[in-house]
Amino acid sequence: MSKKKRRKKSLRKEILRKLVHLMEVPVLFVYTFIRHIFGERIGILAITALFLVLLEVEYFRLEYKPKIPPIFNVFRRRERDNVAGTIFFISATIIVFAAFDYPIALTALLLTVFGDLAAALVGIKFGRHFLYKDKTLEGFLSGLCMNCFIGYLMLPGYPIIFFSMAIIASVVELLTGKLDDNLTVPLFSGFTGQMLAYALHAPLAAFPGPIMGSFLQYMPGFFG
């Protein structure tokens, strides 16, 4: 198979993989809904319940190895006999919502989803200059730009916080190898944002940004 065909096949598989990962975004909005109505503890318990269900699914996949149709097989080579990235993302979701302020946690998780998406797709399609292992300069810069954009939408009143989180998210994603970036990126970027918020005595009064503001606006019966 030629290099061009391998790249095209890899891009097609990565697009399908990222579409699956985008399903993690509704989980964050459902958590927001539950958190507002029933409280933070119930929200964490709801995500924990989802985590347990996914663990059972992973147990069945890894122990019994069911045949997965090629079109639905979005697992990377290292995930075929190991836990998938979704498990790490939900683990990170529980940790950051429990440990950090809600705006910081949500921003860190969205950086993880969309920054990785931009870096992976642009890197596969246009990447020519390798920075670290199979990570490219083009992918890194695309991920950084996406992270800055998401950070601005979420925390427009705190450029120092969201820009620092964006840089940390991009660097950690670049350097993460054997560990899973679905775990490392939200933890490191979230911790950075939280420490800066403490240092700046930031009340995060500018939150919610445009994304969450629109979400809350369309649910006036439940959200004030």
N, C-alpha and C. Protein backbone atom coordinates (compact mmCIF):
# COMPACT_ATOMS: atom_id res chain seq x y z
N MET A 1 0.85 -1.19 0.00
CA MET A 1 0.00 0.00 0.00
C MET A 1 0.89 1.25 0.00
N SER A 2 0.56 2.21 -0.88
CA SER A 2 1.37 3.42 -0.97
C SER A 2 1.19 4.29 0.26
N LYS A 3 2.14 5.22 0.45
CA LYS A 3 2.10 6.13 1.59
C LYS A 3 0.85 6.99 1.56
N LYS A 4 0.44 7.42 0.37
CA LYS A 4 -0.75 8.26 0.21
C LYS A 4 -2.00 7.49 0.61
N LYS A 5 -2.10 6.23 0.21
CA LYS A 5 -3.26 5.41 0.55
C LYS A 5 -3.30 5.11 2.04
N ARG A 6 -2.12 4.85 2.64
CA ARG A 6 -2.07 4.61 4.09
C ARG A 6 -2.52 5.84 4.86
N ARG A 7 -2.10 7.01 4.39
CA ARG A 7 -2.49 8.26 5.05
C ARG A 7 -4.00 8.48 4.94
N LYS A 8 -4.55 8.18 3.76
CA LYS A 8 -5.98 8.34 3.56
C LYS A 8 -6.78 7.39 4.43
N LYS A 9 -6.31 6.15 4.51
CA LYS A 9 -6.98 5.16 5.34
C LYS A 9 -6.90 5.55 6.82
N SER A 10 -5.73 6.03 7.23
CA SER A 10 -5.53 6.45 8.61
C SER A 10 -6.42 7.64 8.95
N LEU A 11 -6.56 8.57 8.01
CA LEU A 11 -7.40 9.74 8.23
C LEU A 11 -8.86 9.34 8.36
N ARG A 12 -9.31 8.42 7.51
CA ARG A 12 -10.69 7.96 7.56
C ARG A 12 -11.00 7.30 8.90
N LYS A 13 -10.09 6.48 9.37
CA LYS A 13 -10.28 5.80 10.66
C LYS A 13 -10.26 6.81 11.81
N GLU A 14 -9.37 7.81 11.70
CA GLU A 14 -9.27 8.80 12.78
C GLU A 14 -10.52 9.68 12.83
N ILE A 15 -11.10 9.99 11.67
CA ILE A 15 -12.35 10.77 11.65
C ILE A 15 -13.46 10.00 12.36
N LEU A 16 -13.56 8.72 12.05
CA LEU A 16 -14.58 7.89 12.71
C LEU A 16 -14.31 7.82 14.21
N ARG A 17 -13.06 7.71 14.58
CA ARG A 17 -12.69 7.65 15.99
C ARG A 17 -13.06 8.95 16.70
N LYS A 18 -12.80 10.08 16.06
CA LYS A 18 -13.11 11.37 16.68
C LYS A 18 -14.62 11.61 16.77
N LEU A 19 -15.38 11.08 15.82
CA LEU A 19 -16.83 11.18 15.91
C LEU A 19 -17.34 10.45 17.14
N VAL A 20 -16.72 9.31 17.44
CA VAL A 20 -17.08 8.57 18.65
C VAL A 20 -16.72 9.39 19.88
N HIS A 21 -15.55 10.00 19.86
CA HIS A 21 -15.10 10.78 21.00
C HIS A 21 -15.96 12.02 21.22
N LEU A 22 -16.55 12.54 20.17
CA LEU A 22 -17.43 13.71 20.33
C LEU A 22 -18.66 13.37 21.16
N MET A 23 -18.98 12.09 21.27
CA MET A 23 -20.11 11.69 22.11
C MET A 23 -19.82 11.96 23.59
N GLU A 24 -18.56 12.25 23.90
CA GLU A 24 -18.22 12.60 25.28
C GLU A 24 -18.73 13.98 25.66
N VAL A 25 -18.92 14.85 24.65
CA VAL A 25 -19.38 16.21 24.94
C VAL A 25 -20.79 16.23 25.54
N PRO A 26 -21.76 15.48 24.97
CA PRO A 26 -23.08 15.45 25.62
C PRO A 26 -23.03 14.97 27.07
N VAL A 27 -22.07 14.10 27.40
CA VAL A 27 -21.93 13.65 28.79
C VAL A 27 -21.65 14.85 29.70
N LEU A 28 -20.85 15.79 29.23
CA LEU A 28 -20.52 16.96 30.03
C LEU A 28 -21.73 17.87 30.22
N PHE A 29 -22.55 17.99 29.19
CA PHE A 29 -23.74 18.81 29.30
C PHE A 29 -24.81 18.14 30.17
N VAL A 30 -24.89 16.81 30.09
CA VAL A 30 -25.83 16.09 30.97
C VAL A 30 -25.39 16.25 32.42
N TYR A 31 -24.09 16.18 32.65
CA TYR A 31 -23.58 16.41 34.01
C TYR A 31 -23.97 17.80 34.49
N THR A 32 -23.82 18.79 33.61
CA THR A 32 -24.19 20.17 33.96
C THR A 32 -25.65 20.25 34.36
N PHE A 33 -26.50 19.59 33.62
CA PHE A 33 -27.94 19.58 33.91
C PHE A 33 -28.20 18.94 35.29
N ILE A 34 -27.64 17.76 35.49
CA ILE A 34 -27.86 17.04 36.76
C ILE A 34 -27.28 17.83 37.93
N ARG A 35 -26.13 18.39 37.72
CA ARG A 35 -25.46 19.17 38.78
C ARG A 35 -26.32 20.34 39.22
N HIS A 36 -26.93 21.03 38.27
CA HIS A 36 -27.75 22.20 38.61
C HIS A 36 -29.04 21.80 39.31
N ILE A 37 -29.65 20.72 38.87
CA ILE A 37 -30.94 20.32 39.42
C ILE A 37 -30.79 19.58 40.75
N PHE A 38 -29.85 18.62 40.80
CA PHE A 38 -29.75 17.74 41.97
C PHE A 38 -28.52 17.96 42.83
N GLY A 39 -27.59 18.75 42.34
CA GLY A 39 -26.38 19.02 43.10
C GLY A 39 -25.16 18.32 42.54
N GLU A 40 -23.99 18.82 42.96
CA GLU A 40 -22.72 18.31 42.43
C GLU A 40 -22.50 16.84 42.77
N ARG A 41 -22.85 16.43 43.99
CA ARG A 41 -22.60 15.04 44.40
C ARG A 41 -23.39 14.05 43.55
N ILE A 42 -24.64 14.38 43.26
CA ILE A 42 -25.45 13.49 42.42
C ILE A 42 -24.90 13.46 41.00
N GLY A 43 -24.42 14.60 40.55
CA GLY A 43 -23.80 14.64 39.21
C GLY A 43 -22.60 13.73 39.12
N ILE A 44 -21.74 13.77 40.15
CA ILE A 44 -20.56 12.90 40.18
C ILE A 44 -20.97 11.44 40.24
N LEU A 45 -22.01 11.13 41.02
CA LEU A 45 -22.50 9.76 41.10
C LEU A 45 -23.03 9.28 39.76
N ALA A 46 -23.69 10.17 39.01
CA ALA A 46 -24.22 9.81 37.69
C ALA A 46 -23.08 9.46 36.73
N ILE A 47 -22.02 10.26 36.74
CA ILE A 47 -20.87 9.96 35.88
C ILE A 47 -20.18 8.68 36.33
N THR A 48 -20.13 8.46 37.64
CA THR A 48 -19.54 7.22 38.16
C THR A 48 -20.34 6.00 37.70
N ALA A 49 -21.67 6.14 37.67
CA ALA A 49 -22.51 5.04 37.18
C ALA A 49 -22.21 4.74 35.72
N LEU A 50 -22.04 5.80 34.92
CA LEU A 50 -21.67 5.62 33.51
C LEU A 50 -20.30 4.95 33.41
N PHE A 51 -19.39 5.35 34.25
CA PHE A 51 -18.05 4.76 34.27
C PHE A 51 -18.11 3.26 34.54
N LEU A 52 -18.95 2.84 35.48
CA LEU A 52 -19.08 1.42 35.81
C LEU A 52 -19.67 0.63 34.64
N VAL A 53 -20.65 1.24 33.96
CA VAL A 53 -21.23 0.58 32.78
C VAL A 53 -20.17 0.38 31.70
N LEU A 54 -19.38 1.43 31.45
CA LEU A 54 -18.33 1.33 30.43
C LEU A 54 -17.26 0.33 30.83
N LEU A 55 -16.98 0.22 32.12
CA LEU A 55 -16.03 -0.79 32.57
C LEU A 55 -16.52 -2.20 32.27
N GLU A 56 -17.82 -2.42 32.45
CA GLU A 56 -18.39 -3.73 32.13
C GLU A 56 -18.28 -4.02 30.63
N VAL A 57 -18.52 -3.00 29.83
CA VAL A 57 -18.41 -3.16 28.37
C VAL A 57 -16.97 -3.50 28.00
N GLU A 58 -16.01 -2.80 28.61
CA GLU A 58 -14.61 -3.06 28.35
C GLU A 58 -14.20 -4.46 28.81
N TYR A 59 -14.73 -4.88 29.95
CA TYR A 59 -14.45 -6.22 30.44
C TYR A 59 -14.89 -7.27 29.42
N PHE A 60 -16.10 -7.09 28.88
CA PHE A 60 -16.61 -8.04 27.89
C PHE A 60 -15.75 -8.01 26.63
N ARG A 61 -15.36 -6.81 26.18
CA ARG A 61 -14.55 -6.69 24.96
C ARG A 61 -13.19 -7.33 25.12
N LEU A 62 -12.55 -7.10 26.28
CA LEU A 62 -11.18 -7.59 26.47
C LEU A 62 -11.13 -9.07 26.84
N GLU A 63 -12.12 -9.54 27.58
CA GLU A 63 -12.11 -10.93 28.03
C GLU A 63 -12.61 -11.89 26.96
N TYR A 64 -13.67 -11.49 26.25
CA TYR A 64 -14.31 -12.40 25.30
C TYR A 64 -13.98 -12.08 23.84
N LYS A 65 -13.39 -10.91 23.62
CA LYS A 65 -12.91 -10.53 22.29
C LYS A 65 -13.94 -10.78 21.19
N PRO A 66 -15.11 -10.15 21.27
CA PRO A 66 -16.11 -10.32 20.21
C PRO A 66 -15.60 -9.74 18.89
N LYS A 67 -16.06 -10.30 17.80
CA LYS A 67 -15.64 -9.81 16.49
C LYS A 67 -16.35 -8.49 16.20
N ILE A 68 -15.58 -7.45 15.96
CA ILE A 68 -16.12 -6.12 15.72
C ILE A 68 -16.02 -5.82 14.23
N PRO A 69 -17.14 -5.44 13.59
CA PRO A 69 -17.07 -5.09 12.16
C PRO A 69 -16.05 -3.99 11.92
N PRO A 70 -15.32 -4.08 10.82
CA PRO A 70 -14.25 -3.10 10.55
C PRO A 70 -14.70 -1.65 10.63
N ILE A 71 -15.93 -1.37 10.19
CA ILE A 71 -16.41 0.01 10.18
C ILE A 71 -16.57 0.57 11.59
N PHE A 72 -16.79 -0.31 12.57
CA PHE A 72 -16.95 0.12 13.96
C PHE A 72 -15.69 -0.08 14.80
N ASN A 73 -14.67 -0.63 14.18
CA ASN A 73 -13.43 -0.89 14.91
C ASN A 73 -12.55 0.37 14.87
N VAL A 74 -12.73 1.22 15.87
CA VAL A 74 -12.00 2.49 15.93
C VAL A 74 -10.86 2.43 16.95
N PHE A 75 -10.56 1.24 17.44
CA PHE A 75 -9.54 1.12 18.46
C PHE A 75 -8.15 1.20 17.85
N ARG A 76 -7.27 1.91 18.54
CA ARG A 76 -5.88 1.95 18.12
C ARG A 76 -5.21 0.62 18.45
N ARG A 77 -4.03 0.42 17.88
CA ARG A 77 -3.35 -0.87 18.05
C ARG A 77 -3.12 -1.19 19.53
N ARG A 78 -2.72 -0.17 20.31
CA ARG A 78 -2.44 -0.42 21.72
C ARG A 78 -3.71 -0.64 22.54
N GLU A 79 -4.88 -0.28 21.97
CA GLU A 79 -6.14 -0.43 22.69
C GLU A 79 -6.81 -1.78 22.44
N ARG A 80 -6.31 -2.53 21.48
CA ARG A 80 -6.96 -3.80 21.13
C ARG A 80 -6.94 -4.78 22.29
N ASP A 81 -5.89 -4.75 23.07
CA ASP A 81 -5.79 -5.64 24.23
C ASP A 81 -5.67 -4.86 25.53
N ASN A 82 -6.02 -3.58 25.48
CA ASN A 82 -5.96 -2.74 26.67
C ASN A 82 -7.19 -1.84 26.75
N VAL A 83 -7.33 -1.17 27.86
CA VAL A 83 -8.49 -0.30 28.08
C VAL A 83 -8.51 0.84 27.06
N ALA A 84 -9.69 1.15 26.54
CA ALA A 84 -9.85 2.19 25.54
C ALA A 84 -9.77 3.58 26.17
N GLY A 85 -9.54 4.59 25.32
CA GLY A 85 -9.37 5.95 25.79
C GLY A 85 -10.59 6.53 26.48
N THR A 86 -11.79 6.05 26.12
CA THR A 86 -13.00 6.56 26.74
C THR A 86 -13.01 6.33 28.25
N ILE A 87 -12.48 5.20 28.68
CA ILE A 87 -12.41 4.89 30.11
C ILE A 87 -11.55 5.92 30.82
N PHE A 88 -10.43 6.29 30.22
CA PHE A 88 -9.55 7.29 30.82
C PHE A 88 -10.21 8.66 30.84
N PHE A 89 -10.98 8.97 29.78
CA PHE A 89 -11.64 10.28 29.75
C PHE A 89 -12.69 10.38 30.85
N ILE A 90 -13.50 9.33 31.03
CA ILE A 90 -14.53 9.37 32.07
C ILE A 90 -13.87 9.39 33.45
N SER A 91 -12.76 8.69 33.61
CA SER A 91 -12.01 8.74 34.87
C SER A 91 -11.56 10.17 35.16
N ALA A 92 -11.00 10.81 34.12
CA ALA A 92 -10.55 12.19 34.28
C ALA A 92 -11.72 13.12 34.57
N THR A 93 -12.87 12.85 33.95
CA THR A 93 -14.06 13.67 34.18
C THR A 93 -14.46 13.65 35.65
N ILE A 94 -14.48 12.47 36.24
CA ILE A 94 -14.83 12.34 37.66
C ILE A 94 -13.82 13.09 38.53
N ILE A 95 -12.54 12.94 38.22
CA ILE A 95 -11.49 13.55 39.04
C ILE A 95 -11.55 15.08 38.96
N VAL A 96 -11.62 15.63 37.74
CA VAL A 96 -11.55 17.09 37.61
C VAL A 96 -12.80 17.78 38.15
N PHE A 97 -13.97 17.17 37.95
CA PHE A 97 -15.18 17.79 38.50
C PHE A 97 -15.17 17.73 40.03
N ALA A 98 -14.54 16.70 40.59
CA ALA A 98 -14.45 16.59 42.04
C ALA A 98 -13.38 17.49 42.63
N ALA A 99 -12.29 17.71 41.88
CA ALA A 99 -11.13 18.42 42.44
C ALA A 99 -11.07 19.90 42.11
N PHE A 100 -11.58 20.29 40.93
CA PHE A 100 -11.43 21.67 40.48
C PHE A 100 -12.77 22.39 40.46
N ASP A 101 -12.69 23.72 40.36
CA ASP A 101 -13.90 24.51 40.17
C ASP A 101 -14.56 24.10 38.85
N TYR A 102 -15.88 24.14 38.85
CA TYR A 102 -16.63 23.68 37.68
C TYR A 102 -16.18 24.32 36.36
N PRO A 103 -16.02 25.66 36.28
CA PRO A 103 -15.59 26.26 35.00
C PRO A 103 -14.23 25.75 34.54
N ILE A 104 -13.30 25.60 35.48
CA ILE A 104 -11.96 25.11 35.14
C ILE A 104 -12.05 23.66 34.65
N ALA A 105 -12.80 22.83 35.36
CA ALA A 105 -12.92 21.41 35.00
C ALA A 105 -13.55 21.26 33.62
N LEU A 106 -14.64 21.98 33.38
CA LEU A 106 -15.32 21.85 32.10
C LEU A 106 -14.44 22.32 30.95
N THR A 107 -13.73 23.42 31.16
CA THR A 107 -12.82 23.92 30.13
C THR A 107 -11.73 22.91 29.82
N ALA A 108 -11.14 22.33 30.86
CA ALA A 108 -10.06 21.35 30.67
C ALA A 108 -10.55 20.14 29.86
N LEU A 109 -11.76 19.69 30.13
CA LEU A 109 -12.30 18.53 29.42
C LEU A 109 -12.61 18.86 27.96
N LEU A 110 -13.12 20.06 27.71
CA LEU A 110 -13.40 20.46 26.32
C LEU A 110 -12.10 20.65 25.54
N LEU A 111 -11.06 21.14 26.20
CA LEU A 111 -9.75 21.23 25.54
C LEU A 111 -9.27 19.85 25.13
N THR A 112 -9.51 18.88 25.98
CA THR A 112 -9.10 17.51 25.71
C THR A 112 -9.78 16.96 24.46
N VAL A 113 -11.07 17.22 24.35
CA VAL A 113 -11.84 16.69 23.22
C VAL A 113 -11.48 17.40 21.92
N PHE A 114 -11.59 18.72 21.90
CA PHE A 114 -11.46 19.46 20.64
C PHE A 114 -10.01 19.73 20.25
N GLY A 115 -9.14 19.92 21.23
CA GLY A 115 -7.73 20.12 20.91
C GLY A 115 -7.13 18.88 20.29
N ASP A 116 -7.43 17.72 20.87
CA ASP A 116 -6.94 16.45 20.32
C ASP A 116 -7.51 16.19 18.94
N LEU A 117 -8.79 16.54 18.75
CA LEU A 117 -9.43 16.35 17.45
C LEU A 117 -8.70 17.14 16.37
N ALA A 118 -8.45 18.42 16.63
CA ALA A 118 -7.78 19.27 15.64
C ALA A 118 -6.36 18.80 15.39
N ALA A 119 -5.64 18.47 16.47
CA ALA A 119 -4.25 18.04 16.32
C ALA A 119 -4.13 16.75 15.52
N ALA A 120 -5.02 15.80 15.80
CA ALA A 120 -4.94 14.50 15.13
C ALA A 120 -5.29 14.60 13.65
N LEU A 121 -6.41 15.25 13.35
CA LEU A 121 -6.86 15.30 11.96
C LEU A 121 -5.93 16.13 11.08
N VAL A 122 -5.53 17.29 11.57
CA VAL A 122 -4.61 18.13 10.78
C VAL A 122 -3.25 17.47 10.68
N GLY A 123 -2.81 16.84 11.77
CA GLY A 123 -1.51 16.17 11.74
C GLY A 123 -1.45 15.05 10.73
N ILE A 124 -2.53 14.26 10.66
CA ILE A 124 -2.56 13.14 9.71
C ILE A 124 -2.66 13.65 8.27
N LYS A 125 -3.49 14.65 8.07
CA LYS A 125 -3.75 15.15 6.71
C LYS A 125 -2.61 16.02 6.17
N PHE A 126 -2.09 16.92 7.00
CA PHE A 126 -1.13 17.90 6.51
C PHE A 126 0.23 17.83 7.20
N GLY A 127 0.37 16.97 8.20
CA GLY A 127 1.62 16.93 8.96
C GLY A 127 2.82 16.50 8.13
N ARG A 128 3.87 17.31 8.18
CA ARG A 128 5.10 17.00 7.44
C ARG A 128 6.34 17.11 8.33
N HIS A 129 6.25 17.94 9.36
CA HIS A 129 7.41 18.20 10.21
C HIS A 129 7.18 17.56 11.58
N PHE A 130 7.92 16.51 11.87
CA PHE A 130 7.71 15.76 13.11
C PHE A 130 8.42 16.45 14.27
N LEU A 131 7.69 16.55 15.39
CA LEU A 131 8.22 17.15 16.61
C LEU A 131 8.62 16.09 17.61
N TYR A 132 7.72 15.13 17.86
CA TYR A 132 7.96 14.11 18.88
C TYR A 132 7.27 12.83 18.47
N LYS A 133 8.07 11.80 18.23
CA LYS A 133 7.56 10.53 17.75
C LYS A 133 6.70 10.74 16.50
N ASP A 134 5.39 10.40 16.56
CA ASP A 134 4.56 10.57 15.36
C ASP A 134 3.76 11.86 15.39
N LYS A 135 4.06 12.75 16.34
CA LYS A 135 3.35 14.03 16.46
C LYS A 135 4.04 15.07 15.58
N THR A 136 3.26 15.87 14.86
CA THR A 136 3.82 16.84 13.92
C THR A 136 3.61 18.27 14.39
N LEU A 137 4.43 19.17 13.83
CA LEU A 137 4.32 20.60 14.13
C LEU A 137 2.96 21.13 13.70
N GLU A 138 2.50 20.68 12.51
CA GLU A 138 1.21 21.16 12.01
C GLU A 138 0.07 20.75 12.94
N GLY A 139 0.11 19.52 13.41
CA GLY A 139 -0.91 19.05 14.32
C GLY A 139 -0.85 19.78 15.65
N PHE A 140 0.36 19.98 16.16
CA PHE A 140 0.53 20.69 17.44
C PHE A 140 -0.04 22.10 17.37
N LEU A 141 0.30 22.85 16.31
CA LEU A 141 -0.17 24.23 16.18
C LEU A 141 -1.69 24.29 16.00
N SER A 142 -2.23 23.33 15.27
CA SER A 142 -3.69 23.28 15.10
C SER A 142 -4.39 23.02 16.42
N GLY A 143 -3.84 22.08 17.17
CA GLY A 143 -4.41 21.79 18.49
C GLY A 143 -4.31 22.99 19.42
N LEU A 144 -3.19 23.70 19.38
CA LEU A 144 -3.02 24.87 20.23
C LEU A 144 -4.02 25.97 19.86
N CYS A 145 -4.20 26.20 18.56
CA CYS A 145 -5.17 27.21 18.13
C CYS A 145 -6.58 26.84 18.56
N MET A 146 -6.94 25.58 18.41
CA MET A 146 -8.26 25.13 18.84
C MET A 146 -8.42 25.28 20.35
N ASN A 147 -7.39 24.93 21.10
CA ASN A 147 -7.44 25.06 22.55
C ASN A 147 -7.63 26.51 22.98
N CYS A 148 -6.92 27.42 22.32
CA CYS A 148 -7.07 28.84 22.64
C CYS A 148 -8.49 29.32 22.32
N PHE A 149 -9.04 28.85 21.23
CA PHE A 149 -10.40 29.24 20.83
C PHE A 149 -11.42 28.74 21.84
N ILE A 150 -11.33 27.46 22.21
CA ILE A 150 -12.24 26.90 23.20
C ILE A 150 -12.08 27.60 24.54
N GLY A 151 -10.85 27.86 24.94
CA GLY A 151 -10.59 28.55 26.19
C GLY A 151 -11.21 29.93 26.21
N TYR A 152 -11.10 30.63 25.09
CA TYR A 152 -11.70 31.97 25.00
C TYR A 152 -13.22 31.90 25.11
N LEU A 153 -13.83 30.92 24.47
CA LEU A 153 -15.28 30.79 24.54
C LEU A 153 -15.75 30.48 25.97
N MET A 154 -14.95 29.70 26.69
CA MET A 154 -15.37 29.29 28.02
C MET A 154 -15.02 30.31 29.09
N LEU A 155 -13.84 30.90 29.01
CA LEU A 155 -13.36 31.81 30.06
C LEU A 155 -12.86 33.12 29.44
N PRO A 156 -13.73 33.86 28.75
CA PRO A 156 -13.27 35.06 28.04
C PRO A 156 -12.73 36.15 28.96
N GLY A 157 -13.14 36.14 30.22
CA GLY A 157 -12.68 37.18 31.14
C GLY A 157 -11.33 36.91 31.76
N TYR A 158 -10.74 35.74 31.48
CA TYR A 158 -9.49 35.35 32.11
C TYR A 158 -8.50 34.82 31.09
N PRO A 159 -7.95 35.71 30.25
CA PRO A 159 -7.03 35.26 29.18
C PRO A 159 -5.79 34.56 29.72
N ILE A 160 -5.27 35.00 30.86
CA ILE A 160 -4.07 34.35 31.42
C ILE A 160 -4.37 32.90 31.77
N ILE A 161 -5.56 32.67 32.33
CA ILE A 161 -5.93 31.32 32.73
C ILE A 161 -6.15 30.43 31.51
N PHE A 162 -7.00 30.87 30.57
CA PHE A 162 -7.33 29.97 29.46
C PHE A 162 -6.16 29.79 28.50
N PHE A 163 -5.31 30.83 28.35
CA PHE A 163 -4.16 30.69 27.46
C PHE A 163 -3.14 29.73 28.06
N SER A 164 -2.94 29.82 29.36
CA SER A 164 -2.01 28.90 30.03
C SER A 164 -2.53 27.47 29.97
N MET A 165 -3.83 27.30 30.17
CA MET A 165 -4.42 25.97 30.06
C MET A 165 -4.26 25.41 28.65
N ALA A 166 -4.44 26.28 27.65
CA ALA A 166 -4.32 25.84 26.26
C ALA A 166 -2.90 25.37 25.95
N ILE A 167 -1.91 26.11 26.42
CA ILE A 167 -0.52 25.73 26.18
C ILE A 167 -0.19 24.40 26.86
N ILE A 168 -0.58 24.29 28.14
CA ILE A 168 -0.30 23.06 28.88
C ILE A 168 -1.00 21.87 28.22
N ALA A 169 -2.27 22.05 27.81
CA ALA A 169 -3.01 20.97 27.16
C ALA A 169 -2.30 20.51 25.89
N SER A 170 -1.81 21.46 25.08
CA SER A 170 -1.15 21.11 23.82
C SER A 170 0.19 20.43 24.04
N VAL A 171 0.96 20.94 25.00
CA VAL A 171 2.28 20.35 25.28
C VAL A 171 2.13 18.95 25.86
N VAL A 172 1.20 18.78 26.79
CA VAL A 172 0.98 17.46 27.40
C VAL A 172 0.50 16.47 26.35
N GLU A 173 -0.41 16.91 25.47
CA GLU A 173 -0.89 16.02 24.40
C GLU A 173 0.26 15.62 23.48
N LEU A 174 1.16 16.55 23.22
CA LEU A 174 2.30 16.26 22.36
C LEU A 174 3.24 15.23 22.98
N LEU A 175 3.49 15.36 24.28
CA LEU A 175 4.50 14.54 24.94
C LEU A 175 3.97 13.24 25.52
N THR A 176 2.64 13.09 25.60
CA THR A 176 2.08 11.87 26.16
C THR A 176 2.29 10.70 25.20
N GLY A 177 2.92 9.67 25.70
CA GLY A 177 3.20 8.50 24.87
C GLY A 177 2.45 7.28 25.37
N LYS A 178 3.06 6.55 26.29
CA LYS A 178 2.45 5.31 26.78
C LYS A 178 1.24 5.57 27.67
N LEU A 179 1.24 6.69 28.37
CA LEU A 179 0.04 7.08 29.11
C LEU A 179 -1.02 7.53 28.12
N ASP A 180 -2.24 7.74 28.58
CA ASP A 180 -3.33 8.14 27.69
C ASP A 180 -3.60 9.64 27.86
N ASP A 181 -3.61 10.37 26.73
CA ASP A 181 -3.81 11.81 26.82
C ASP A 181 -5.22 12.19 27.27
N ASN A 182 -6.17 11.26 27.18
CA ASN A 182 -7.50 11.53 27.70
C ASN A 182 -7.48 11.69 29.22
N LEU A 183 -6.43 11.18 29.86
CA LEU A 183 -6.28 11.33 31.29
C LEU A 183 -5.31 12.46 31.63
N THR A 184 -4.17 12.51 30.95
CA THR A 184 -3.14 13.48 31.30
C THR A 184 -3.52 14.92 30.95
N VAL A 185 -4.13 15.13 29.80
CA VAL A 185 -4.44 16.50 29.35
C VAL A 185 -5.41 17.22 30.30
N PRO A 186 -6.58 16.64 30.62
CA PRO A 186 -7.48 17.38 31.51
C PRO A 186 -6.92 17.57 32.91
N LEU A 187 -6.13 16.60 33.41
CA LEU A 187 -5.58 16.73 34.76
C LEU A 187 -4.53 17.84 34.83
N PHE A 188 -3.61 17.86 33.88
CA PHE A 188 -2.55 18.88 33.91
C PHE A 188 -3.09 20.27 33.57
N SER A 189 -3.93 20.36 32.55
CA SER A 189 -4.46 21.67 32.18
C SER A 189 -5.42 22.19 33.25
N GLY A 190 -6.23 21.31 33.81
CA GLY A 190 -7.14 21.70 34.87
C GLY A 190 -6.41 22.16 36.12
N PHE A 191 -5.35 21.43 36.49
CA PHE A 191 -4.56 21.81 37.66
C PHE A 191 -3.91 23.18 37.45
N THR A 192 -3.41 23.41 36.23
CA THR A 192 -2.80 24.70 35.91
C THR A 192 -3.82 25.83 36.05
N GLY A 193 -5.01 25.63 35.47
CA GLY A 193 -6.05 26.64 35.55
C GLY A 193 -6.49 26.91 36.98
N GLN A 194 -6.60 25.86 37.78
CA GLN A 194 -7.04 26.01 39.16
C GLN A 194 -6.00 26.77 39.99
N MET A 195 -4.73 26.44 39.82
CA MET A 195 -3.69 27.14 40.56
C MET A 195 -3.62 28.62 40.18
N LEU A 196 -3.81 28.92 38.91
CA LEU A 196 -3.82 30.32 38.47
C LEU A 196 -5.03 31.05 39.02
N ALA A 197 -6.17 30.37 39.05
CA ALA A 197 -7.37 30.99 39.60
C ALA A 197 -7.17 31.35 41.07
N TYR A 198 -6.51 30.46 41.82
CA TYR A 198 -6.19 30.75 43.23
C TYR A 198 -5.21 31.90 43.33
N ALA A 199 -4.17 31.86 42.50
CA ALA A 199 -3.13 32.89 42.57
C ALA A 199 -3.68 34.27 42.22
N LEU A 200 -4.61 34.32 41.28
CA LEU A 200 -5.18 35.59 40.83
C LEU A 200 -6.41 35.99 41.64
N HIS A 201 -6.80 35.11 42.57
CA HIS A 201 -8.04 35.34 43.34
C HIS A 201 -9.22 35.56 42.39
N ALA A 202 -9.25 34.75 41.36
CA ALA A 202 -10.27 34.92 40.32
C ALA A 202 -11.57 34.28 40.76
N PRO A 203 -12.65 35.07 40.87
CA PRO A 203 -13.95 34.49 41.24
C PRO A 203 -14.66 33.84 40.06
N LEU A 204 -14.03 33.90 38.88
CA LEU A 204 -14.61 33.35 37.66
C LEU A 204 -15.99 33.92 37.40
N ALA A 205 -16.16 35.22 37.69
CA ALA A 205 -17.46 35.87 37.52
C ALA A 205 -17.87 35.96 36.06
N ALA A 206 -16.89 35.88 35.15
CA ALA A 206 -17.22 35.98 33.73
C ALA A 206 -17.80 34.69 33.18
N PHE A 207 -17.81 33.64 34.02
CA PHE A 207 -18.39 32.36 33.57
C PHE A 207 -19.88 32.37 33.88
N PRO A 208 -20.77 31.83 33.05
CA PRO A 208 -20.43 31.04 31.87
C PRO A 208 -20.09 31.89 30.65
N GLY A 209 -19.22 31.33 29.83
CA GLY A 209 -18.90 31.99 28.57
C GLY A 209 -20.01 31.75 27.56
N PRO A 210 -19.78 32.12 26.30
CA PRO A 210 -20.82 31.99 25.26
C PRO A 210 -21.39 30.59 25.11
N ILE A 211 -20.54 29.54 25.24
CA ILE A 211 -21.03 28.17 25.04
C ILE A 211 -22.05 27.81 26.10
N MET A 212 -21.64 27.91 27.36
CA MET A 212 -22.55 27.51 28.43
C MET A 212 -23.69 28.50 28.59
N GLY A 213 -23.43 29.78 28.27
CA GLY A 213 -24.51 30.76 28.34
C GLY A 213 -25.66 30.42 27.41
N SER A 214 -25.31 29.98 26.20
CA SER A 214 -26.35 29.58 25.24
C SER A 214 -27.08 28.34 25.71
N PHE A 215 -26.32 27.39 26.29
CA PHE A 215 -26.93 26.16 26.79
C PHE A 215 -27.94 26.47 27.90
N LEU A 216 -27.57 27.34 28.82
CA LEU A 216 -28.47 27.67 29.92
C LEU A 216 -29.67 28.46 29.43
N GLN A 217 -29.47 29.29 28.42
CA GLN A 217 -30.54 30.13 27.90
C GLN A 217 -31.67 29.30 27.30
N TYR A 218 -31.32 28.16 26.69
CA TYR A 218 -32.35 27.35 26.06
C TYR A 218 -33.08 26.43 27.02
N MET A 219 -32.75 26.52 28.28
CA MET A 219 -33.42 25.69 29.28
C MET A 219 -33.92 26.56 30.43
N PRO A 220 -34.73 27.59 30.11
CA PRO A 220 -35.16 28.53 31.14
C PRO A 220 -36.04 27.89 32.20
N GLY A 221 -36.66 26.77 31.89
CA GLY A 221 -37.51 26.14 32.89
C GLY A 221 -36.74 25.47 34.00
N PHE A 222 -35.46 25.20 33.72
CA PHE A 222 -34.65 24.50 34.71
C PHE A 222 -33.50 25.34 35.24
N PHE A 223 -33.03 26.25 34.42
CA PHE A 223 -31.88 27.05 34.82
C PHE A 223 -32.30 28.51 34.96
N GLY A 224 -31.78 29.14 36.00
CA GLY A 224 -32.10 30.53 36.24
C GLY A 224 -31.37 31.45 35.29
